[in-house]
Amino acid sequence: MRAVRSINNNIAVCVDSAGNELIAMGKGIGYGKLPREIALEDVTQTFYNVSPKVLAGIEGIPEDVMVFSADLAERARDELSYQLSPNLAFTLADHISFALKRARDGVYVSMPLAFDVEQSYPDEYRIARQAVRRLRREFRANLRDAEAAGIALNIVNARADFATEAELASAQRDEDMLEDITEIVEREFSITVNRSSFAYSRYATHMNYLFGRLHAGKSLDGANLELYADVRTDYPQVDACVEKICGHLREEWGCEVTDEERLYVFIHVNRLRVKEES
């Protein structure tokens, strides 16, 4: 293997015997005059098909953070059932490096969707939460638990970067349905929903939870059905909107929405309505 450009002392852009470019990690492989031949036994990890754009952003990242992130990416690949982008180790390194710097500077960023991320992506969040604990221990950094949300989303996005055609088609179907439902809300309440607002982001997140349960044939339990009967009476316009949304889901996806799920839709549609009207 031939090292052709140094990223840092222990990471280099290399070319293998077949002429393929890759990123290699190993003690000292990026040190000294390049290009030069390096022994395969000196290489601890290799990464093919890494985006040059992603690579350009890691040159200033500390080596110990890069090693940690590469190990975390491998753990995610071992524990998750889907393929992940080869860029994951490097996007994690960029994210974690910045998170550690913020923690050392005493700067803490609010993570308002941390609970939503945990509920939507439990496996990714579990891996991320373990990573935060390791970061505290190994880097002696005062990271908050909510930092797991950012790490989990990096893993989720790495799946999106490497999605199959079927997965992309499914995601597009959900995006189209979300837009259909939002347009129903706009028509029913004569409002224009700001799709860049936090209120919309939270609403969209919960609608995607609903879509996931519908695809999986699962639904919420019926502990709050008495509440549903009450709110239908108190908010007839919202109830009519929910009925149209459920009718659209039935027509497009052939699925019946249970009363438990109707209450869930009711709550989040009404919350969006109130935010937009105010």
C-alpha atoms as a PDB file:
ATOM      1  CA  MET A   1       0.000   0.000   0.000  1.00  0.00           C
ATOM      2  CA  ARG A   2       1.241   3.464  -0.852  1.00  0.00           C
ATOM      3  CA  ALA A   3       0.605   6.502   1.369  1.00  0.00           C
ATOM      4  CA  VAL A   4       0.239   9.566  -0.842  1.00  0.00           C
ATOM      5  CA  ARG A   5      -1.018  12.341   1.459  1.00  0.00           C
ATOM      6  CA  SER A   6      -0.959  12.877   5.193  1.00  0.00           C
ATOM      7  CA  ILE A   7      -4.073  13.802   7.136  1.00  0.00           C
ATOM      8  CA  ASN A   8      -2.158  13.668  10.405  1.00  0.00           C
ATOM      9  CA  ASN A   9       0.608  11.490  11.849  1.00  0.00           C
ATOM     10  CA  ASN A  10      -1.616   8.428  12.057  1.00  0.00           C
ATOM     11  CA  ILE A  11      -4.045   8.919   9.143  1.00  0.00           C
ATOM     12  CA  ALA A  12      -3.190   9.099   5.448  1.00  0.00           C
ATOM     13  CA  VAL A  13      -4.760   9.007   2.023  1.00  0.00           C
ATOM     14  CA  CYS A  14      -3.457   5.825   0.414  1.00  0.00           C
ATOM     15  CA  VAL A  15      -3.645   3.815  -2.801  1.00  0.00           C
ATOM     16  CA  ASP A  16      -3.950   0.031  -2.620  1.00  0.00           C
ATOM     17  CA  SER A  17      -2.431  -2.541  -4.969  1.00  0.00           C
ATOM     18  CA  ALA A  18      -5.489  -2.348  -7.259  1.00  0.00           C
ATOM     19  CA  GLY A  19      -5.169   1.426  -7.629  1.00  0.00           C
ATOM     20  CA  ASN A  20      -8.122   2.235  -5.349  1.00  0.00           C
ATOM     21  CA  GLU A  21      -7.898   5.308  -3.144  1.00  0.00           C
ATOM     22  CA  LEU A  22      -8.704   4.865   0.535  1.00  0.00           C
ATOM     23  CA  ILE A  23      -8.131   6.353   3.955  1.00  0.00           C
ATOM     24  CA  ALA A  24      -5.891   4.320   6.254  1.00  0.00           C
ATOM     25  CA  MET A  25      -5.244   4.586   9.985  1.00  0.00           C
ATOM     26  CA  GLY A  26      -2.180   3.264  11.758  1.00  0.00           C
ATOM     27  CA  LYS A  27       0.569   4.508  14.031  1.00  0.00           C
ATOM     28  CA  GLY A  28       2.933   6.800  12.142  1.00  0.00           C
ATOM     29  CA  ILE A  29       1.650   6.057   8.628  1.00  0.00           C
ATOM     30  CA  GLY A  30       1.063   9.738   7.915  1.00  0.00           C
ATOM     31  CA  TYR A  31       4.388  10.870   9.358  1.00  0.00           C
ATOM     32  CA  GLY A  32       7.445  11.720   7.313  1.00  0.00           C
ATOM     33  CA  LYS A  33       8.012  12.247   3.612  1.00  0.00           C
ATOM     34  CA  LEU A  34       5.228  11.129   1.297  1.00  0.00           C
ATOM     35  CA  PRO A  35       4.482   9.385  -0.998  1.00  0.00           C
ATOM     36  CA  ARG A  36       6.013   6.142   0.306  1.00  0.00           C
ATOM     37  CA  GLU A  37       5.189   2.481   0.711  1.00  0.00           C
ATOM     38  CA  ILE A  38       3.760   1.337   4.045  1.00  0.00           C
ATOM     39  CA  ALA A  39       3.507  -2.183   5.417  1.00  0.00           C
ATOM     40  CA  LEU A  40       0.002  -3.659   5.668  1.00  0.00           C
ATOM     41  CA  GLU A  41       0.709  -4.759   9.234  1.00  0.00           C
ATOM     42  CA  ASP A  42       1.095  -1.085  10.189  1.00  0.00           C
ATOM     43  CA  VAL A  43      -2.494  -0.345   9.077  1.00  0.00           C
ATOM     44  CA  THR A  44      -5.171  -0.783  11.736  1.00  0.00           C
ATOM     45  CA  GLN A  45      -8.231   0.434   9.821  1.00  0.00           C
ATOM     46  CA  THR A  46      -9.156   1.303   6.254  1.00  0.00           C
ATOM     47  CA  PHE A  47     -12.018   3.344   4.809  1.00  0.00           C
ATOM     48  CA  TYR A  48     -13.044   3.189   1.162  1.00  0.00           C
ATOM     49  CA  ASN A  49     -15.383   5.541  -0.739  1.00  0.00           C
ATOM     50  CA  VAL A  50     -14.952   8.429   1.687  1.00  0.00           C
ATOM     51  CA  SER A  51     -16.259  11.717   0.346  1.00  0.00           C
ATOM     52  CA  PRO A  52     -13.486  14.267  -0.332  1.00  0.00           C
ATOM     53  CA  LYS A  53     -15.785  16.948   1.076  1.00  0.00           C
ATOM     54  CA  VAL A  54     -16.076  15.067   4.379  1.00  0.00           C
ATOM     55  CA  LEU A  55     -12.364  14.358   4.444  1.00  0.00           C
ATOM     56  CA  ALA A  56     -11.490  18.031   4.032  1.00  0.00           C
ATOM     57  CA  GLY A  57     -13.200  18.820   7.315  1.00  0.00           C
ATOM     58  CA  ILE A  58     -11.195  16.511   9.568  1.00  0.00           C
ATOM     59  CA  GLU A  59      -7.643  17.700   9.086  1.00  0.00           C
ATOM     60  CA  GLY A  60      -7.631  19.624  12.371  1.00  0.00           C
ATOM     61  CA  ILE A  61      -9.346  16.934  14.441  1.00  0.00           C
ATOM     62  CA  PRO A  62      -7.241  15.463  17.279  1.00  0.00           C
ATOM     63  CA  GLU A  63      -5.984  11.963  16.586  1.00  0.00           C
ATOM     64  CA  ASP A  64      -7.476  10.491  19.774  1.00  0.00           C
ATOM     65  CA  VAL A  65     -10.914  11.797  18.743  1.00  0.00           C
ATOM     66  CA  MET A  66     -10.500  10.263  15.298  1.00  0.00           C
ATOM     67  CA  VAL A  67      -9.552   6.890  16.786  1.00  0.00           C
ATOM     68  CA  PHE A  68     -12.521   7.047  19.183  1.00  0.00           C
ATOM     69  CA  SER A  69     -14.896   7.929  16.343  1.00  0.00           C
ATOM     70  CA  ALA A  70     -13.621   5.160  14.084  1.00  0.00           C
ATOM     71  CA  ASP A  71     -14.168   2.658  16.890  1.00  0.00           C
ATOM     72  CA  LEU A  72     -17.666   4.050  17.517  1.00  0.00           C
ATOM     73  CA  ALA A  73     -18.533   3.738  13.817  1.00  0.00           C
ATOM     74  CA  GLU A  74     -17.429   0.094  13.868  1.00  0.00           C
ATOM     75  CA  ARG A  75     -19.572  -0.576  16.938  1.00  0.00           C
ATOM     76  CA  ALA A  76     -22.565   0.955  15.172  1.00  0.00           C
ATOM     77  CA  ARG A  77     -21.959  -1.256  12.124  1.00  0.00           C
ATOM     78  CA  ASP A  78     -21.734  -4.348  14.337  1.00  0.00           C
ATOM     79  CA  GLU A  79     -24.890  -3.593  16.330  1.00  0.00           C
ATOM     80  CA  LEU A  80     -27.258  -2.152  13.720  1.00  0.00           C
ATOM     81  CA  SER A  81     -29.056  -4.181  11.089  1.00  0.00           C
ATOM     82  CA  TYR A  82     -28.494  -1.811   8.165  1.00  0.00           C
ATOM     83  CA  GLN A  83     -25.543  -0.520   6.169  1.00  0.00           C
ATOM     84  CA  LEU A  84     -23.861   2.734   7.089  1.00  0.00           C
ATOM     85  CA  SER A  85     -22.026   5.275   4.978  1.00  0.00           C
ATOM     86  CA  PRO A  86     -18.217   4.967   4.869  1.00  0.00           C
ATOM     87  CA  ASN A  87     -18.192   8.639   5.878  1.00  0.00           C
ATOM     88  CA  LEU A  88     -19.602   7.881   9.348  1.00  0.00           C
ATOM     89  CA  ALA A  89     -16.295   7.731  11.249  1.00  0.00           C
ATOM     90  CA  PHE A  90     -15.331  11.134   9.890  1.00  0.00           C
ATOM     91  CA  THR A  91     -18.681  12.880  10.428  1.00  0.00           C
ATOM     92  CA  LEU A  92     -18.713  11.497  13.979  1.00  0.00           C
ATOM     93  CA  ALA A  93     -15.180  12.793  14.537  1.00  0.00           C
ATOM     94  CA  ASP A  94     -16.158  16.272  13.400  1.00  0.00           C
ATOM     95  CA  HIS A  95     -19.266  16.282  15.612  1.00  0.00           C
ATOM     96  CA  ILE A  96     -17.544  14.828  18.689  1.00  0.00           C
ATOM     97  CA  SER A  97     -14.535  17.130  18.403  1.00  0.00           C
ATOM     98  CA  PHE A  98     -16.822  20.163  18.445  1.00  0.00           C
ATOM     99  CA  ALA A  99     -18.919  18.745  21.311  1.00  0.00           C
ATOM    100  CA  LEU A 100     -15.781  18.199  23.417  1.00  0.00           C
ATOM    101  CA  LYS A 101     -14.584  21.732  22.709  1.00  0.00           C
ATOM    102  CA  ARG A 102     -17.949  23.161  23.731  1.00  0.00           C
ATOM    103  CA  ALA A 103     -17.910  21.158  26.951  1.00  0.00           C
ATOM    104  CA  ARG A 104     -14.392  22.331  27.825  1.00  0.00           C
ATOM    105  CA  ASP A 105     -15.387  25.928  27.139  1.00  0.00           C
ATOM    106  CA  GLY A 106     -18.468  25.562  29.325  1.00  0.00           C
ATOM    107  CA  VAL A 107     -20.834  26.106  26.405  1.00  0.00           C
ATOM    108  CA  TYR A 108     -23.960  23.952  26.500  1.00  0.00           C
ATOM    109  CA  VAL A 109     -26.397  23.732  23.606  1.00  0.00           C
ATOM    110  CA  SER A 110     -30.066  22.957  24.175  1.00  0.00           C
ATOM    111  CA  MET A 111     -31.220  19.694  22.588  1.00  0.00           C
ATOM    112  CA  PRO A 112     -35.023  20.123  22.563  1.00  0.00           C
ATOM    113  CA  LEU A 113     -35.613  17.053  20.401  1.00  0.00           C
ATOM    114  CA  ALA A 114     -33.459  14.674  22.479  1.00  0.00           C
ATOM    115  CA  PHE A 115     -36.517  12.789  23.780  1.00  0.00           C
ATOM    116  CA  ASP A 116     -37.956  12.570  20.275  1.00  0.00           C
ATOM    117  CA  VAL A 117     -34.695  11.173  18.901  1.00  0.00           C
ATOM    118  CA  GLU A 118     -34.588   8.589  21.692  1.00  0.00           C
ATOM    119  CA  GLN A 119     -38.147   7.491  20.941  1.00  0.00           C
ATOM    120  CA  SER A 120     -37.698   7.415  17.161  1.00  0.00           C
ATOM    121  CA  TYR A 121     -34.280   5.755  17.046  1.00  0.00           C
ATOM    122  CA  PRO A 122     -33.856   3.694  20.239  1.00  0.00           C
ATOM    123  CA  ASP A 123     -30.995   1.514  18.967  1.00  0.00           C
ATOM    124  CA  GLU A 124     -28.988   4.441  17.650  1.00  0.00           C
ATOM    125  CA  TYR A 125     -29.674   6.418  20.824  1.00  0.00           C
ATOM    126  CA  ARG A 126     -28.497   3.520  23.004  1.00  0.00           C
ATOM    127  CA  ILE A 127     -25.194   3.376  21.111  1.00  0.00           C
ATOM    128  CA  ALA A 128     -24.854   7.165  21.363  1.00  0.00           C
ATOM    129  CA  ARG A 129     -25.612   7.199  25.081  1.00  0.00           C
ATOM    130  CA  GLN A 130     -22.884   4.626  25.665  1.00  0.00           C
ATOM    131  CA  ALA A 131     -20.543   6.793  23.584  1.00  0.00           C
ATOM    132  CA  VAL A 132     -21.262   9.849  25.760  1.00  0.00           C
ATOM    133  CA  ARG A 133     -20.400   7.846  28.875  1.00  0.00           C
ATOM    134  CA  ARG A 134     -17.123   6.706  27.290  1.00  0.00           C
ATOM    135  CA  LEU A 135     -16.300  10.258  26.229  1.00  0.00           C
ATOM    136  CA  ARG A 136     -16.760  11.489  29.793  1.00  0.00           C
ATOM    137  CA  ARG A 137     -14.482   8.777  31.091  1.00  0.00           C
ATOM    138  CA  GLU A 138     -11.781   8.761  28.399  1.00  0.00           C
ATOM    139  CA  PHE A 139     -11.635  12.507  27.671  1.00  0.00           C
ATOM    140  CA  ARG A 140     -12.639  13.765  31.136  1.00  0.00           C
ATOM    141  CA  ALA A 141     -15.235  15.984  29.489  1.00  0.00           C
ATOM    142  CA  ASN A 142     -18.400  17.193  31.202  1.00  0.00           C
ATOM    143  CA  LEU A 143     -20.771  16.162  28.422  1.00  0.00           C
ATOM    144  CA  ARG A 144     -24.488  16.209  29.151  1.00  0.00           C
ATOM    145  CA  ASP A 145     -26.718  13.210  28.474  1.00  0.00           C
ATOM    146  CA  ALA A 146     -28.573  15.115  25.742  1.00  0.00           C
ATOM    147  CA  GLU A 147     -25.385  15.123  23.619  1.00  0.00           C
ATOM    148  CA  ALA A 148     -26.379  11.558  22.736  1.00  0.00           C
ATOM    149  CA  ALA A 149     -29.078  12.988  20.458  1.00  0.00           C
ATOM    150  CA  GLY A 150     -26.530  14.625  18.154  1.00  0.00           C
ATOM    151  CA  ILE A 151     -24.390  11.500  17.966  1.00  0.00           C
ATOM    152  CA  ALA A 152     -27.465   9.343  17.287  1.00  0.00           C
ATOM    153  CA  LEU A 153     -28.567  11.637  14.451  1.00  0.00           C
ATOM    154  CA  ASN A 154     -25.125  11.352  12.863  1.00  0.00           C
ATOM    155  CA  ILE A 155     -25.628   7.579  12.803  1.00  0.00           C
ATOM    156  CA  VAL A 156     -29.173   7.930  11.435  1.00  0.00           C
ATOM    157  CA  ASN A 157     -27.953  10.284   8.699  1.00  0.00           C
ATOM    158  CA  ALA A 158     -25.209   7.815   7.779  1.00  0.00           C
ATOM    159  CA  ARG A 159     -27.941   5.312   6.995  1.00  0.00           C
ATOM    160  CA  ALA A 160     -29.704   7.868   4.807  1.00  0.00           C
ATOM    161  CA  ASP A 161     -26.461   8.523   2.929  1.00  0.00           C
ATOM    162  CA  PHE A 162     -26.199   4.818   2.129  1.00  0.00           C
ATOM    163  CA  ALA A 163     -29.861   3.956   1.685  1.00  0.00           C
ATOM    164  CA  THR A 164     -31.094   1.415  -0.834  1.00  0.00           C
ATOM    165  CA  GLU A 165     -33.521   2.412  -3.572  1.00  0.00           C
ATOM    166  CA  ALA A 166     -36.342   0.766  -1.633  1.00  0.00           C
ATOM    167  CA  GLU A 167     -35.459   2.707   1.522  1.00  0.00           C
ATOM    168  CA  LEU A 168     -35.255   5.966  -0.416  1.00  0.00           C
ATOM    169  CA  ALA A 169     -38.645   5.258  -2.010  1.00  0.00           C
ATOM    170  CA  SER A 170     -40.165   4.555   1.419  1.00  0.00           C
ATOM    171  CA  ALA A 171     -38.715   7.767   2.847  1.00  0.00           C
ATOM    172  CA  GLN A 172     -40.073   9.733  -0.109  1.00  0.00           C
ATOM    173  CA  ARG A 173     -43.501   8.182   0.408  1.00  0.00           C
ATOM    174  CA  ASP A 174     -43.479   9.344   4.037  1.00  0.00           C
ATOM    175  CA  GLU A 175     -42.327  12.842   3.029  1.00  0.00           C
ATOM    176  CA  ASP A 176     -45.144  13.067   0.496  1.00  0.00           C
ATOM    177  CA  MET A 177     -47.691  11.923   3.081  1.00  0.00           C
ATOM    178  CA  LEU A 178     -46.413  14.453   5.609  1.00  0.00           C
ATOM    179  CA  GLU A 179     -46.860  17.216   3.048  1.00  0.00           C
ATOM    180  CA  ASP A 180     -50.361  15.971   2.164  1.00  0.00           C
ATOM    181  CA  ILE A 181     -51.389  16.007   5.826  1.00  0.00           C
ATOM    182  CA  THR A 182     -49.877  19.438   6.402  1.00  0.00           C
ATOM    183  CA  GLU A 183     -51.818  20.814   3.445  1.00  0.00           C
ATOM    184  CA  ILE A 184     -55.019  19.379   4.946  1.00  0.00           C
ATOM    185  CA  VAL A 185     -54.225  21.219   8.199  1.00  0.00           C
ATOM    186  CA  GLU A 186     -53.594  24.451   6.292  1.00  0.00           C
ATOM    187  CA  ARG A 187     -56.885  24.209   4.397  1.00  0.00           C
ATOM    188  CA  GLU A 188     -58.969  23.287   7.440  1.00  0.00           C
ATOM    189  CA  PHE A 189     -57.695  26.167   9.582  1.00  0.00           C
ATOM    190  CA  SER A 190     -56.900  28.704   6.846  1.00  0.00           C
ATOM    191  CA  ILE A 191     -53.298  29.011   8.003  1.00  0.00           C
ATOM    192  CA  THR A 192     -49.887  28.805   6.366  1.00  0.00           C
ATOM    193  CA  VAL A 193     -47.543  26.462   8.225  1.00  0.00           C
ATOM    194  CA  ASN A 194     -43.963  27.665   8.550  1.00  0.00           C
ATOM    195  CA  ARG A 195     -42.038  24.534   7.631  1.00  0.00           C
ATOM    196  CA  SER A 196     -38.784  25.895   9.022  1.00  0.00           C
ATOM    197  CA  SER A 197     -40.198  26.525  12.517  1.00  0.00           C
ATOM    198  CA  PHE A 198     -39.519  24.465  15.625  1.00  0.00           C
ATOM    199  CA  ALA A 199     -43.264  23.849  15.990  1.00  0.00           C
ATOM    200  CA  TYR A 200     -43.356  22.244  12.549  1.00  0.00           C
ATOM    201  CA  SER A 201     -40.221  20.228  13.254  1.00  0.00           C
ATOM    202  CA  ARG A 202     -41.783  18.760  16.381  1.00  0.00           C
ATOM    203  CA  TYR A 203     -45.076  18.075  14.602  1.00  0.00           C
ATOM    204  CA  ALA A 204     -43.233  16.421  11.677  1.00  0.00           C
ATOM    205  CA  THR A 205     -41.271  14.246  14.082  1.00  0.00           C
ATOM    206  CA  HIS A 206     -44.451  12.968  15.711  1.00  0.00           C
ATOM    207  CA  MET A 207     -46.142  12.369  12.360  1.00  0.00           C
ATOM    208  CA  ASN A 208     -43.163  10.252  11.360  1.00  0.00           C
ATOM    209  CA  TYR A 209     -43.554   8.245  14.592  1.00  0.00           C
ATOM    210  CA  LEU A 210     -47.142   7.607  13.490  1.00  0.00           C
ATOM    211  CA  PHE A 211     -46.053   6.553   9.990  1.00  0.00           C
ATOM    212  CA  GLY A 212     -43.536   4.128  11.463  1.00  0.00           C
ATOM    213  CA  ARG A 213     -46.182   2.495  13.644  1.00  0.00           C
ATOM    214  CA  LEU A 214     -48.622   2.265  10.734  1.00  0.00           C
ATOM    215  CA  HIS A 215     -45.979   0.601   8.534  1.00  0.00           C
ATOM    216  CA  ALA A 216     -45.157  -1.849  11.334  1.00  0.00           C
ATOM    217  CA  GLY A 217     -48.816  -2.619  12.075  1.00  0.00           C
ATOM    218  CA  LYS A 218     -48.459  -1.382  15.653  1.00  0.00           C
ATOM    219  CA  SER A 219     -50.483   1.192  17.580  1.00  0.00           C
ATOM    220  CA  LEU A 220     -50.535   2.983  20.919  1.00  0.00           C
ATOM    221  CA  ASP A 221     -52.472   1.517  23.852  1.00  0.00           C
ATOM    222  CA  GLY A 222     -55.975   2.713  24.684  1.00  0.00           C
ATOM    223  CA  ALA A 223     -55.381   4.269  28.081  1.00  0.00           C
ATOM    224  CA  ASN A 224     -56.600   7.725  27.033  1.00  0.00           C
ATOM    225  CA  LEU A 225     -59.742   6.941  25.042  1.00  0.00           C
ATOM    226  CA  GLU A 226     -61.994   8.805  27.495  1.00  0.00           C
ATOM    227  CA  LEU A 227     -59.870  11.888  26.868  1.00  0.00           C
ATOM    228  CA  TYR A 228     -60.353  11.441  23.122  1.00  0.00           C
ATOM    229  CA  ALA A 229     -64.127  11.497  23.511  1.00  0.00           C
ATOM    230  CA  ASP A 230     -63.878  14.731  25.520  1.00  0.00           C
ATOM    231  CA  VAL A 231     -61.583  16.609  23.144  1.00  0.00           C
ATOM    232  CA  ARG A 232     -63.644  15.635  20.111  1.00  0.00           C
ATOM    233  CA  THR A 233     -66.587  17.385  21.707  1.00  0.00           C
ATOM    234  CA  ASP A 234     -64.573  20.405  22.841  1.00  0.00           C
ATOM    235  CA  TYR A 235     -62.716  20.938  19.537  1.00  0.00           C
ATOM    236  CA  PRO A 236     -65.034  19.931  16.675  1.00  0.00           C
ATOM    237  CA  GLN A 237     -62.978  21.702  13.978  1.00  0.00           C
ATOM    238  CA  VAL A 238     -59.819  19.847  14.992  1.00  0.00           C
ATOM    239  CA  ASP A 239     -61.834  16.615  15.093  1.00  0.00           C
ATOM    240  CA  ALA A 240     -63.025  17.235  11.525  1.00  0.00           C
ATOM    241  CA  CYS A 241     -59.457  17.853  10.419  1.00  0.00           C
ATOM    242  CA  VAL A 242     -58.269  14.607  12.019  1.00  0.00           C
ATOM    243  CA  GLU A 243     -61.079  12.723  10.284  1.00  0.00           C
ATOM    244  CA  LYS A 244     -59.901  14.047   6.913  1.00  0.00           C
ATOM    245  CA  ILE A 245     -56.299  13.109   7.697  1.00  0.00           C
ATOM    246  CA  CYS A 246     -57.306   9.561   8.657  1.00  0.00           C
ATOM    247  CA  GLY A 247     -59.462   9.301   5.528  1.00  0.00           C
ATOM    248  CA  HIS A 248     -56.466  10.309   3.423  1.00  0.00           C
ATOM    249  CA  LEU A 249     -54.265   7.701   5.108  1.00  0.00           C
ATOM    250  CA  ARG A 250     -56.939   5.082   4.460  1.00  0.00           C
ATOM    251  CA  GLU A 251     -57.260   6.066   0.809  1.00  0.00           C
ATOM    252  CA  GLU A 252     -53.521   6.287   0.069  1.00  0.00           C
ATOM    253  CA  TRP A 253     -52.078   3.564   2.296  1.00  0.00           C
ATOM    254  CA  GLY A 254     -55.084   1.337   2.929  1.00  0.00           C
ATOM    255  CA  CYS A 255     -54.692   1.495   6.691  1.00  0.00           C
ATOM    256  CA  GLU A 256     -57.257   2.143   9.400  1.00  0.00           C
ATOM    257  CA  VAL A 257     -56.161   4.547  12.132  1.00  0.00           C
ATOM    258  CA  THR A 258     -57.266   3.433  15.602  1.00  0.00           C
ATOM    259  CA  ASP A 259     -58.863   5.805  18.091  1.00  0.00           C
ATOM    260  CA  GLU A 260     -55.658   5.728  20.127  1.00  0.00           C
ATOM    261  CA  GLU A 261     -53.704   6.975  17.132  1.00  0.00           C
ATOM    262  CA  ARG A 262     -56.436   9.489  16.252  1.00  0.00           C
ATOM    263  CA  LEU A 263     -55.974  11.063  19.685  1.00  0.00           C
ATOM    264  CA  TYR A 264     -52.223  11.224  19.006  1.00  0.00           C
ATOM    265  CA  VAL A 265     -52.842  12.978  15.668  1.00  0.00           C
ATOM    266  CA  PHE A 266     -55.401  15.261  17.317  1.00  0.00           C
ATOM    267  CA  ILE A 267     -52.922  16.443  19.971  1.00  0.00           C
ATOM    268  CA  HIS A 268     -50.134  17.239  17.527  1.00  0.00           C
ATOM    269  CA  VAL A 269     -52.324  18.833  14.877  1.00  0.00           C
ATOM    270  CA  ASN A 270     -53.943  21.038  17.511  1.00  0.00           C
ATOM    271  CA  ARG A 271     -50.546  22.001  18.938  1.00  0.00           C
ATOM    272  CA  LEU A 272     -49.377  23.029  15.469  1.00  0.00           C
ATOM    273  CA  ARG A 273     -52.591  24.980  14.866  1.00  0.00           C
ATOM    274  CA  VAL A 274     -52.231  26.909  18.119  1.00  0.00           C
ATOM    275  CA  LYS A 275     -48.583  27.763  17.403  1.00  0.00           C
ATOM    276  CA  GLU A 276     -49.316  28.960  13.868  1.00  0.00           C
ATOM    277  CA  GLU A 277     -52.394  30.953  14.830  1.00  0.00           C
ATOM    278  CA  SER A 278     -50.509  32.721  17.605  1.00  0.00           C
END
